Protein backbone atom coordinates (compact mmCIF):
# COMPACT_ATOMS: atom_id res chain seq x y z
CA UNK A 1 -5.24 -39.23 -16.04
CA UNK A 2 -5.62 -35.93 -17.14
CA UNK A 3 -4.95 -33.47 -14.82
CA UNK A 4 -7.14 -30.56 -13.75
CA UNK A 5 -5.89 -27.01 -12.74
CA UNK A 6 -7.53 -24.85 -10.10
CA UNK A 7 -7.17 -21.58 -9.83
CA UNK A 8 -6.10 -20.16 -6.35
CA UNK A 9 -7.81 -16.70 -4.61
CA UNK A 10 -7.46 -15.52 -0.92
CA UNK A 11 -8.56 -12.26 0.11
CA UNK A 12 -7.99 -11.08 3.62
CA UNK A 13 -9.19 -7.42 5.07
CA UNK A 14 -6.17 -5.84 6.83
CA UNK A 15 -6.20 -2.50 9.07
CA UNK A 16 -3.67 -0.94 6.98
CA UNK A 17 -0.44 -2.31 5.59
CA UNK A 18 2.38 -3.14 7.95
CA UNK A 19 6.17 -1.87 7.25
CA UNK A 20 7.19 -5.53 7.34
CA UNK A 21 4.69 -6.76 4.61
CA UNK A 22 4.96 -4.08 2.40
CA UNK A 23 9.04 -5.21 2.50
CA UNK A 24 8.24 -8.57 1.45
CA UNK A 25 5.57 -7.55 -1.19
CA UNK A 26 8.36 -5.60 -2.66
CA UNK A 27 11.46 -7.88 -1.36
CA UNK A 28 12.89 -4.53 -0.07
CA UNK A 29 15.35 -6.30 2.22
CA UNK A 30 18.92 -5.70 3.09
CA UNK A 31 21.32 -8.71 2.54
CA UNK A 32 21.13 -9.53 5.94
CA UNK A 33 17.08 -9.65 5.67
CA UNK A 34 17.13 -11.50 2.71
CA UNK A 35 19.69 -14.39 4.73
CA UNK A 36 16.87 -14.64 7.49
CA UNK A 37 14.00 -14.40 4.56
CA UNK A 38 15.75 -17.74 2.73
CA UNK A 39 16.56 -19.22 5.82
CA UNK A 40 13.04 -19.12 7.55
CA UNK A 41 10.94 -19.10 4.29
CA UNK A 42 10.82 -20.26 0.44
CA UNK A 43 12.85 -17.48 -1.04
CA UNK A 44 14.81 -17.97 -3.80
CA UNK A 45 17.45 -15.19 -4.54
CA UNK A 46 18.31 -16.47 -7.75
CA UNK A 47 14.88 -15.72 -8.94
CA UNK A 48 14.53 -12.40 -7.72
CA UNK A 49 15.13 -10.64 -10.88
CA UNK A 50 11.60 -12.32 -12.83
CA UNK A 51 9.55 -10.79 -10.44
CA UNK A 52 7.59 -7.35 -11.89
CA UNK A 53 4.69 -5.16 -11.27
CA UNK A 54 2.15 -3.76 -12.72
CA UNK A 55 1.06 -0.30 -12.39
CA UNK A 56 -1.60 2.37 -13.81
CA UNK A 57 -2.38 1.56 -17.77
CA UNK A 58 -1.48 -2.44 -17.29
CA UNK A 59 2.44 -1.34 -17.35
CA UNK A 60 4.50 -4.19 -16.86
CA UNK A 61 8.01 -3.06 -14.96
CA UNK A 62 10.40 -4.73 -12.54
CA UNK A 63 8.93 -3.73 -8.66
CA UNK A 64 9.49 -0.28 -7.78
CA UNK A 65 10.61 0.11 -4.11
CA UNK A 66 11.21 3.53 -4.34
CA UNK A 67 8.13 4.05 -2.39
CA UNK A 68 6.78 1.86 0.45
CA UNK A 69 3.05 0.76 -0.01
CA UNK A 70 2.04 2.90 3.17
CA UNK A 71 3.23 5.90 1.21
CA UNK A 72 1.77 4.63 -1.78
CA UNK A 73 -1.37 4.19 0.29
CA UNK A 74 -0.86 7.76 1.93
CA UNK A 75 -0.56 9.56 -1.39
CA UNK A 76 -3.77 8.08 -3.14
CA UNK A 77 -5.61 9.25 -0.53
CA UNK A 78 -4.59 12.20 -0.47
CA UNK A 79 -4.69 12.98 -3.75
CA UNK A 80 -8.48 12.15 -3.73
CA UNK A 81 -9.10 14.02 -0.57
CA UNK A 82 -9.84 10.80 1.50
CA UNK A 83 -8.50 10.34 5.12
CA UNK A 84 -7.51 7.09 6.25
CA UNK A 85 -10.01 5.72 8.97
CA UNK A 86 -7.54 5.08 11.14
CA UNK A 87 -5.13 7.58 11.21
CA UNK A 88 -5.02 9.09 14.58
CA UNK A 89 -6.22 6.18 16.40
CA UNK A 90 -4.03 4.44 19.36
CA UNK A 91 -4.67 0.95 17.48
CA UNK A 92 -6.17 0.56 14.15
CA UNK A 93 -9.70 -0.48 13.99
CA UNK A 94 -11.24 -0.81 10.38
CA UNK A 95 -10.39 -2.72 7.71
CA UNK A 96 -8.91 -0.02 5.02
CA UNK A 97 -6.73 -2.58 2.86
CA UNK A 98 -8.11 -5.48 1.01
CA UNK A 99 -5.06 -7.86 0.22
CA UNK A 100 -5.69 -10.14 -2.88
CA UNK A 101 -3.90 -13.35 -4.02
CA UNK A 102 -4.20 -14.74 -7.08
CA UNK A 103 -2.78 -18.06 -8.50
CA UNK A 104 -3.58 -21.62 -9.33
CA UNK A 105 -2.45 -25.33 -8.99
CA UNK A 106 1.96 -25.51 -8.80
CA UNK A 107 2.67 -27.03 -11.84
CA UNK A 108 0.14 -24.41 -14.04
CA UNK A 109 1.31 -21.48 -12.67
CA UNK A 110 5.06 -23.03 -13.10
CA UNK A 111 4.53 -23.99 -16.56
CA UNK A 112 2.91 -20.00 -17.35
CA UNK A 113 5.86 -18.61 -15.99
CA UNK A 114 9.26 -20.41 -16.98
CA UNK A 115 8.12 -23.12 -19.96
CA UNK A 116 9.99 -26.14 -20.01
CA UNK A 117 12.79 -24.70 -18.75
CA UNK A 118 14.85 -26.32 -16.24
CA UNK A 119 14.35 -24.40 -12.79
CA UNK A 120 15.42 -24.75 -8.93
CA UNK A 121 13.11 -24.57 -7.10
CA UNK A 122 14.79 -25.08 -3.07
CA UNK A 123 14.84 -21.68 -1.01
CA UNK A 124 18.38 -20.21 -1.16
CA UNK A 125 20.62 -17.96 -3.49
CA UNK A 126 20.55 -20.48 -6.74
CA UNK A 127 22.95 -19.38 -8.94
CA UNK A 128 21.31 -21.86 -12.05
CA UNK A 129 18.71 -19.90 -11.87
CA UNK A 130 20.05 -16.34 -12.83
CA UNK A 131 19.52 -17.31 -16.46
CA UNK A 132 16.02 -18.37 -16.22
CA UNK A 133 13.74 -16.20 -18.27
CA UNK A 134 10.05 -15.20 -17.25
CA UNK A 135 7.75 -16.58 -19.93
CA UNK A 136 5.28 -14.16 -22.19
CA UNK A 137 2.62 -16.15 -20.82
CA UNK A 138 2.62 -15.26 -17.02
CA UNK A 139 2.70 -11.57 -18.08
CA UNK A 140 -0.63 -11.79 -20.38
CA UNK A 141 -2.34 -13.69 -17.34
CA UNK A 142 -1.28 -11.25 -14.77
CA UNK A 143 -2.41 -8.72 -17.27
CA UNK A 144 -6.00 -10.42 -17.43
CA UNK A 145 -6.08 -10.56 -13.79
CA UNK A 146 -5.02 -6.75 -13.48
CA UNK A 147 -7.75 -5.74 -15.73
CA UNK A 148 -10.09 -8.26 -14.09
CA UNK A 149 -9.24 -5.86 -10.80
CA UNK A 150 -9.73 -2.89 -12.13
CA UNK A 151 -12.91 -3.74 -14.14
CA UNK A 152 -14.54 -4.71 -10.88
CA UNK A 153 -13.28 -2.53 -8.26
CA UNK A 154 -11.27 0.67 -10.15
CA UNK A 155 -7.67 1.03 -11.23
CA UNK A 156 -7.97 4.38 -9.09
CA UNK A 157 -8.20 1.88 -5.64
CA UNK A 158 -5.41 -0.48 -6.87
CA UNK A 159 -2.40 0.50 -4.90
CA UNK A 160 0.26 -1.99 -5.54
CA UNK A 161 0.29 -5.02 -7.99
CA UNK A 162 2.97 -7.76 -7.53
CA UNK A 163 4.03 -10.92 -9.34
CA UNK A 164 6.09 -13.35 -7.39
CA UNK A 165 8.32 -15.99 -9.49
CA UNK A 166 10.83 -16.40 -6.70
CA UNK A 167 8.66 -18.35 -4.27
CA UNK A 168 7.57 -22.47 -4.59
CA UNK A 169 4.83 -21.68 -6.79
CA UNK A 170 4.23 -18.11 -9.02
CA UNK A 171 1.59 -15.81 -7.77
CA UNK A 172 0.14 -12.30 -7.72
CA UNK A 173 -0.28 -9.70 -4.49
CA UNK A 174 -3.02 -7.40 -5.15
CA UNK A 175 -3.10 -4.25 -2.43
CA UNK A 176 -6.67 -2.60 -3.21
CA UNK A 177 -8.15 0.19 -1.15
CA UNK A 178 -11.91 -0.96 -0.45
CA UNK A 179 -13.54 2.62 -1.20
CA UNK A 180 -16.73 3.16 -3.11
CA UNK A 181 -18.22 6.82 -3.62
CA UNK A 182 -15.16 8.38 -2.02
CA UNK A 183 -15.69 6.24 1.00
CA UNK A 184 -14.05 3.27 2.85
CA UNK A 185 -16.52 0.69 2.61
CA UNK A 186 -15.11 -3.25 2.89
CA UNK A 187 -18.21 -4.50 4.27
CA UNK A 188 -20.48 -3.37 1.92
CA UNK A 189 -18.09 -4.16 -1.07
CA UNK A 190 -16.83 -7.37 0.59
CA UNK A 191 -18.38 -9.23 3.51
CA UNK A 192 -22.15 -8.01 2.85
CA UNK A 193 -24.59 -7.68 5.52
CA UNK A 194 -24.33 -11.46 7.02
CA UNK A 195 -22.91 -15.08 6.69
CA UNK A 196 -25.20 -15.62 3.76
CA UNK A 197 -24.44 -12.51 1.52
CA UNK A 198 -20.83 -12.88 1.96
CA UNK A 199 -20.89 -16.51 1.16
CA UNK A 200 -22.85 -15.44 -2.24
CA UNK A 201 -20.49 -12.58 -2.78
CA UNK A 202 -17.55 -14.85 -2.44
CA UNK A 203 -18.79 -17.45 -4.85
CA UNK A 204 -19.73 -14.87 -7.26
CA UNK A 205 -16.55 -13.80 -7.55
CA UNK A 206 -14.74 -17.28 -7.87
CA UNK A 207 -17.05 -17.82 -10.59
CA UNK A 208 -16.28 -14.38 -12.17
CA UNK A 209 -12.60 -15.34 -11.80
CA UNK A 210 -13.14 -18.63 -13.60
CA UNK A 211 -13.98 -16.71 -16.73
CA UNK A 212 -10.88 -14.54 -16.81
CA UNK A 213 -8.86 -18.05 -16.37
CA UNK A 214 -10.09 -20.18 -18.45
CA UNK A 215 -8.23 -19.20 -21.47
CA UNK A 216 -5.28 -20.68 -19.45
CA UNK A 217 -6.32 -23.60 -18.54
CA UNK A 218 -7.22 -22.58 -14.89
CA UNK A 219 -11.12 -23.55 -13.74
CA UNK A 220 -12.77 -23.16 -10.35
CA UNK A 221 -12.73 -25.70 -7.76
CA UNK A 222 -16.17 -27.39 -6.76
CA UNK A 223 -17.18 -25.72 -3.52
CA UNK A 224 -18.42 -28.61 -0.54
CA UNK A 225 -22.24 -26.92 -0.63
CA UNK A 226 -22.13 -28.24 -4.39
CA UNK A 227 -20.53 -31.79 -4.06
CA UNK A 228 -22.57 -32.41 -0.90
CA UNK A 229 -19.43 -34.14 0.44
CA UNK A 230 -18.83 -33.19 4.13
CA UNK A 231 -16.30 -35.34 5.76
CA UNK A 232 -13.24 -34.68 3.19
CA UNK A 233 -13.04 -31.32 2.72
CA UNK A 234 -13.87 -30.78 6.05
CA UNK A 235 -10.88 -33.15 6.99
CA UNK A 236 -8.60 -31.67 4.28
CA UNK A 237 -9.34 -28.14 5.12
CA UNK A 238 -8.47 -28.70 8.75
CA UNK A 239 -5.25 -30.68 7.80
CA UNK A 240 -4.37 -27.58 5.39
CA UNK A 241 -4.99 -25.23 8.82
CA UNK A 242 -2.95 -27.46 10.87
CA UNK A 243 -0.55 -27.54 8.79
CA UNK A 244 -0.05 -23.82 8.06
CA UNK A 245 -0.39 -23.13 11.53
CA UNK A 246 2.97 -25.46 12.17
CA UNK A 247 4.90 -23.63 9.29
CA UNK A 248 3.72 -20.68 10.76
CA UNK A 249 4.95 -21.59 14.44
CA UNK A 250 7.96 -23.06 13.35
CA UNK A 251 9.18 -19.55 11.23
CA UNK A 252 7.61 -17.82 14.70
CA UNK A 253 9.97 -20.09 16.55
CA UNK A 254 13.16 -19.31 13.84
CA UNK A 255 12.69 -16.07 13.95
CA UNK A 256 12.98 -15.62 17.98
CA UNK A 257 15.99 -17.54 17.84
CA UNK A 258 17.18 -14.89 15.60
CA UNK A 259 16.18 -12.04 17.46
CA UNK A 260 18.12 -13.38 20.07
CA UNK A 261 21.08 -13.95 17.94
CA UNK A 262 20.50 -10.68 16.48
CA UNK A 263 20.28 -9.05 20.03
CA UNK A 264 23.97 -10.39 20.83
CA UNK A 265 25.42 -9.08 17.31
CA UNK A 266 23.91 -5.91 18.37
CA UNK A 267 25.54 -5.34 21.50
CA UNK A 268 28.94 -6.29 20.25
CA UNK A 269 28.34 -3.95 17.17
CA UNK A 270 27.47 -1.31 19.92
CA UNK A 271 30.59 -2.07 22.34
CA UNK A 272 32.84 -1.82 18.79
CA UNK A 273 31.41 1.56 17.48
CA UNK A 274 31.95 2.58 21.31
CA UNK A 275 35.32 1.98 21.62
CA UNK A 276 36.35 2.85 18.19
CA UNK A 277 34.16 6.23 18.79
CA UNK A 278 36.55 6.60 22.21
CA UNK A 279 39.60 6.16 20.10
CA UNK A 280 38.96 8.43 17.81
CA UNK A 281 37.89 11.35 20.61
CA UNK A 282 41.45 10.78 21.97
CA UNK A 283 43.04 10.66 18.94
CA UNK A 284 41.33 14.01 17.87
CA UNK A 285 42.32 15.27 21.42
CA UNK A 286 45.84 14.46 20.70
CA UNK A 287 45.98 16.15 17.46
CA UNK A 288 44.84 19.29 18.84
CA UNK A 289 47.54 19.47 21.58
CA UNK A 290 50.22 18.49 18.85
CA UNK A 291 48.91 20.61 16.61
CA UNK A 292 48.85 23.33 19.65
CA UNK A 293 52.65 22.50 20.59
CA UNK A 294 53.46 22.60 16.76
CA UNK A 295 52.25 26.45 16.56
CA UNK A 296 54.10 27.35 19.96
CA UNK A 297 57.26 26.41 18.34
CA UNK A 298 56.83 27.92 14.83
CA UNK A 299 56.15 31.12 16.93
CA UNK A 300 59.41 30.46 18.97
CA UNK A 301 61.65 29.60 16.00
CA UNK A 302 60.34 33.11 14.38
CA UNK A 303 61.05 34.84 16.87
CA UNK A 304 64.39 33.25 17.36
CA UNK A 305 63.49 32.47 21.18
CA UNK A 306 65.96 29.83 22.15
CA UNK A 307 68.49 27.34 19.81
CA UNK A 308 66.86 27.33 16.65
CA UNK A 309 68.45 23.62 15.89
CA UNK A 310 66.78 22.75 18.81
CA UNK A 311 63.31 23.95 18.09
CA UNK A 312 63.78 22.36 15.06
CA UNK A 313 64.20 19.24 15.75
CA UNK A 314 61.58 19.65 17.84
CA UNK A 315 58.81 20.58 15.33
CA UNK A 316 59.91 17.85 12.63
CA UNK A 317 59.56 15.46 15.77
CA UNK A 318 56.12 16.64 16.18
CA UNK A 319 55.01 16.82 12.52
CA UNK A 320 55.67 13.50 12.18
CA UNK A 321 53.49 11.86 15.55
CA UNK A 322 51.02 14.52 13.92
CA UNK A 323 51.49 12.50 10.63
CA UNK A 324 51.22 9.26 12.39
CA UNK A 325 48.21 10.46 14.64
CA UNK A 326 46.26 11.57 11.41
CA UNK A 327 47.20 7.99 10.13
CA UNK A 328 45.73 6.23 13.09
CA UNK A 329 42.65 8.65 12.93
CA UNK A 330 41.90 8.27 9.39
CA UNK A 331 42.23 4.44 10.24
CA UNK A 332 40.00 4.33 13.16
CA UNK A 333 37.43 6.79 11.56
CA UNK A 334 37.20 4.48 8.38
CA UNK A 335 36.45 1.73 10.65
CA UNK A 336 34.22 3.34 12.81
CA UNK A 337 31.82 4.18 9.90
CA UNK A 338 32.21 0.36 8.62
CA UNK A 339 30.98 -0.32 12.31
CA UNK A 340 27.91 2.53 12.11
CA UNK A 341 26.74 0.86 8.84
CA UNK A 342 26.99 -2.64 10.40
CA UNK A 343 25.45 -1.43 13.63
CA UNK A 344 22.74 0.47 11.54
CA UNK A 345 22.14 -2.65 9.05
CA UNK A 346 21.35 -4.97 12.44
CA UNK A 347 19.27 -2.76 13.90
CA UNK A 348 17.13 -2.58 10.37
CA UNK A 349 17.40 -6.52 10.78
CA UNK A 350 15.79 -6.55 14.22
CA UNK A 351 13.37 -4.17 12.94
CA UNK A 352 12.28 -6.41 9.74
CA UNK A 353 12.08 -9.72 12.00
CA UNK A 354 10.12 -8.33 14.78
CA UNK A 355 7.62 -6.85 12.06
CA UNK A 356 7.85 -9.85 10.27
CA UNK A 357 7.47 -11.95 13.98
CA UNK A 358 4.44 -9.68 14.60
CA UNK A 359 3.02 -10.45 11.42
CA UNK A 360 2.97 -13.89 12.00
CA UNK A 361 1.95 -13.96 15.12
CA UNK A 362 -1.65 -12.22 14.00
CA UNK A 363 -1.99 -14.76 11.02
CA UNK A 364 -1.13 -17.47 13.42
CA UNK A 365 -3.72 -16.43 15.53
CA UNK A 366 -6.19 -15.99 12.19
CA UNK A 367 -5.59 -19.26 11.22
CA UNK A 368 -5.62 -20.72 15.14
CA UNK A 369 -8.91 -19.77 15.55
CA UNK A 370 -10.22 -20.50 11.80
CA UNK A 371 -8.91 -24.36 13.12
CA UNK A 372 -10.78 -24.60 16.27
CA UNK A 373 -14.18 -23.23 14.54
CA UNK A 374 -13.41 -26.11 12.01
CA UNK A 375 -13.02 -28.25 14.94
CA UNK A 376 -16.02 -27.21 16.56
CA UNK A 377 -17.74 -28.01 13.62
CA UNK A 378 -16.60 -31.52 13.20
CA UNK A 379 -17.03 -32.40 16.63
CA UNK A 380 -20.40 -31.25 16.68
CA UNK A 381 -21.02 -33.06 13.14
CA UNK A 382 -19.59 -35.99 14.78
CA UNK A 383 -21.81 -36.14 17.85
CA UNK A 384 -25.10 -35.65 15.53
CA UNK A 385 -23.64 -39.35 13.95
CA UNK A 386 -22.96 -40.67 16.91
CA UNK A 387 -26.46 -39.73 18.31
CA UNK A 388 -27.98 -40.73 15.14
CA UNK A 389 -26.56 -44.40 15.12
CA UNK A 390 -27.41 -44.47 18.92
CA UNK A 391 -31.09 -43.74 17.80
CA UNK A 392 -30.89 -46.15 15.16
CA UNK A 393 -29.54 -48.96 17.21
CA UNK A 394 -32.44 -48.35 19.86
CA UNK A 395 -35.29 -48.45 17.32
CA UNK A 396 -34.47 -51.56 15.93
CA UNK A 397 -34.99 -53.26 19.68
CA UNK A 398 -37.95 -50.70 20.76
CA UNK A 399 -41.44 -52.73 20.03
CA UNK A 400 -43.62 -51.57 17.53
CA UNK A 401 -46.46 -49.88 19.57
CA UNK A 402 -43.30 -47.45 21.11
CA UNK A 403 -41.58 -47.10 17.72
CA UNK A 404 -45.05 -45.30 16.04
CA UNK A 405 -44.59 -42.54 18.53
CA UNK A 406 -41.52 -41.23 16.48
CA UNK A 407 -43.37 -41.62 13.28
CA UNK A 408 -43.09 -38.25 11.04
CA UNK A 409 -41.25 -36.47 14.03
CA UNK A 410 -38.17 -34.26 13.15
CA UNK A 411 -36.09 -37.16 15.09
CA UNK A 412 -37.08 -39.72 12.77
CA UNK A 413 -36.62 -37.49 9.70
CA UNK A 414 -32.86 -36.61 10.66
CA UNK A 415 -32.06 -40.03 11.49
CA UNK A 416 -33.10 -41.85 8.19
CA UNK A 417 -31.87 -38.83 6.10
CA UNK A 418 -29.35 -36.88 7.59
CA UNK A 419 -26.85 -36.06 5.02
CA UNK A 420 -29.75 -34.75 2.78
CA UNK A 421 -31.54 -32.46 5.97
CA UNK A 422 -28.11 -30.96 5.99
CA UNK A 423 -27.79 -30.26 2.72
CA UNK A 424 -31.02 -28.72 2.02
CA UNK A 425 -30.53 -26.73 5.58
CA UNK A 426 -27.28 -25.12 4.19
CA UNK A 427 -29.20 -24.01 1.00
CA UNK A 428 -31.59 -22.91 2.39
CA UNK A 429 -29.03 -21.01 4.96
CA UNK A 430 -27.23 -19.43 2.28
CA UNK A 431 -30.09 -18.54 0.56
CA UNK A 432 -30.59 -20.79 -2.14
CA UNK A 433 -34.10 -21.69 -2.02
CA UNK A 434 -34.96 -22.66 -5.73
CA UNK A 435 -32.04 -25.09 -5.34
CA UNK A 436 -33.35 -26.56 -1.92
CA UNK A 437 -36.49 -27.15 -3.09
CA UNK A 438 -35.31 -29.12 -6.23
CA UNK A 439 -32.96 -31.26 -4.24
CA UNK A 440 -35.98 -31.86 -1.67
CA UNK A 441 -38.05 -32.66 -4.35
CA UNK A 442 -35.40 -34.69 -5.91
CA UNK A 443 -34.75 -36.92 -3.03
CA UNK A 444 -38.26 -37.47 -2.56
CA UNK A 445 -39.42 -34.72 -0.03
CA UNK A 446 -42.01 -31.87 -0.61
CA UNK A 447 -44.08 -32.09 2.41
CA UNK A 448 -42.72 -28.60 3.60
CA UNK A 449 -42.45 -26.32 0.88
CA UNK A 450 -42.62 -25.22 -2.93
CA UNK A 451 -41.38 -23.47 -5.30
CA UNK A 452 -43.02 -19.88 -4.60
CA UNK A 453 -42.66 -20.55 -0.78
CA UNK A 454 -41.97 -17.36 1.47
CA UNK A 455 -38.69 -17.57 2.91
CA UNK A 456 -36.06 -15.74 4.34
CA UNK A 457 -34.14 -14.36 7.07
CA UNK A 458 -35.27 -11.83 9.57
CA UNK A 459 -33.56 -8.61 9.99
CA UNK A 460 -32.76 -9.51 13.90
CA UNK A 461 -32.50 -12.93 13.38
CA UNK A 462 -28.77 -13.68 14.59
CA UNK A 463 -27.21 -16.93 13.03
CA UNK A 464 -27.73 -19.38 15.48
CA UNK A 465 -31.91 -18.63 15.34
CA UNK A 466 -31.69 -18.36 11.35
CA UNK A 467 -29.39 -21.82 11.69
CA UNK A 468 -32.39 -23.67 13.89
CA UNK A 469 -35.51 -22.54 11.31
CA UNK A 470 -33.14 -23.97 8.16
CA UNK A 471 -32.51 -26.91 9.75
CA UNK A 472 -36.73 -26.85 10.95
CA UNK A 473 -37.69 -25.98 7.09
CA UNK A 474 -35.08 -28.71 6.01
CA UNK A 475 -36.57 -31.32 8.11
CA UNK A 476 -40.39 -30.39 6.56
CA UNK A 477 -38.76 -30.24 3.16
CA UNK A 478 -37.64 -33.54 3.21
CA UNK A 479 -40.60 -35.38 4.48
CA UNK A 480 -42.00 -37.88 1.41
CA UNK A 481 -45.44 -35.58 -0.02
CA UNK A 482 -48.57 -36.50 2.05
CA UNK A 483 -46.74 -36.78 5.06
CA UNK A 484 -48.29 -35.30 7.89
CA UNK A 485 -46.23 -33.03 10.57
CA UNK A 486 -46.73 -34.51 14.21
CA UNK A 487 -49.30 -32.63 16.44
CA UNK A 488 -47.36 -32.06 19.64
């Protein structure tokens, strides 16, 4: 069977870019931070040299680490005279960053990035990968994606565009400022006025990206609405969320252990710095005293105050002692400088681990909310199916004179055509009126609407009320032509 490569696109609104996220995207880590990242993630130091960025004008270059992403954002906004909406707030409230991830099926992305080279994909510092070369295809694909983002959102809004080849799957991180007409407008550009508009925009974005990815053998995935598959996509998605949550919780647990270990190391390093500082201070005092004594002896010898032979012997002894103190002082100062650097690195590692922990905690909370929402949907679906099954079993045992009371009722329609009614209601909810009508007619329905029907969401209508109306309309549309609704 021929393998089909699917494109991957994820867009997340962020309230700025944390320093930890910036360091991760740029791989701007200390040696110790790299060790932590390798131990807790899927990073390979042996492939880090393959990472690259695309900057203004589509220029390909190694990732520039001289300025962090927050610095690049600040410079971009200052040059355009735009104020960061979260500036001055105790807690950021506005989505000022659109964080994109572009990728595809793992095997296809590896093929674009590495061709037929032998590559070790396990985390660590794989020496075998230092000789691996980056294929031109991955650069060309990334350039096409850059041009797509530039054309759709404006090159002036692209803050960072990094291509990572040192993880499990090659992918792109694009940090974008959601600015339109000189103002931040994340909701207007990405979210839309409601869930229906958001769904339409997301679907359109995937369609447009698929045209860019087509020459590279990456195709758009089929949405759940289009396939009418309810159970498997939901279960697969929940499984994915569960795995993501578990992965992040495991990494959080490892990072918490790393914090404990770092605290011990920092305490020891601080004690060492304190001890060496005290030694340096005492040696400097001893050096000052001996230099003072030497100066006095020199004055005495010059003024011939006493036995010159004895004074000269004392002077020579003090000078030897001073040389020894100087040697010890130089050694302790060198060790103190090393200890200071080690302590500074440990503190930076602690900062990295804490920031990474906070980022992961927020991501884990978001995934948990999504998982809970998915679980709630699955439970409601299961409850509906249980009710329908119960209804059918009870109806089979009822006498005809009682069964007739349910003829043409919404309960009967939903019980007999559960999947079809829900699918039609979903299309209506998303605003696909023509598709909903065509689907209903194709299923033999047509009792409640036509292509010319007036239908839409009221401005003051909340999601729940809108969903109820869509379900009621789908129930009418799925009734056979000529059937009449029951009068109440």
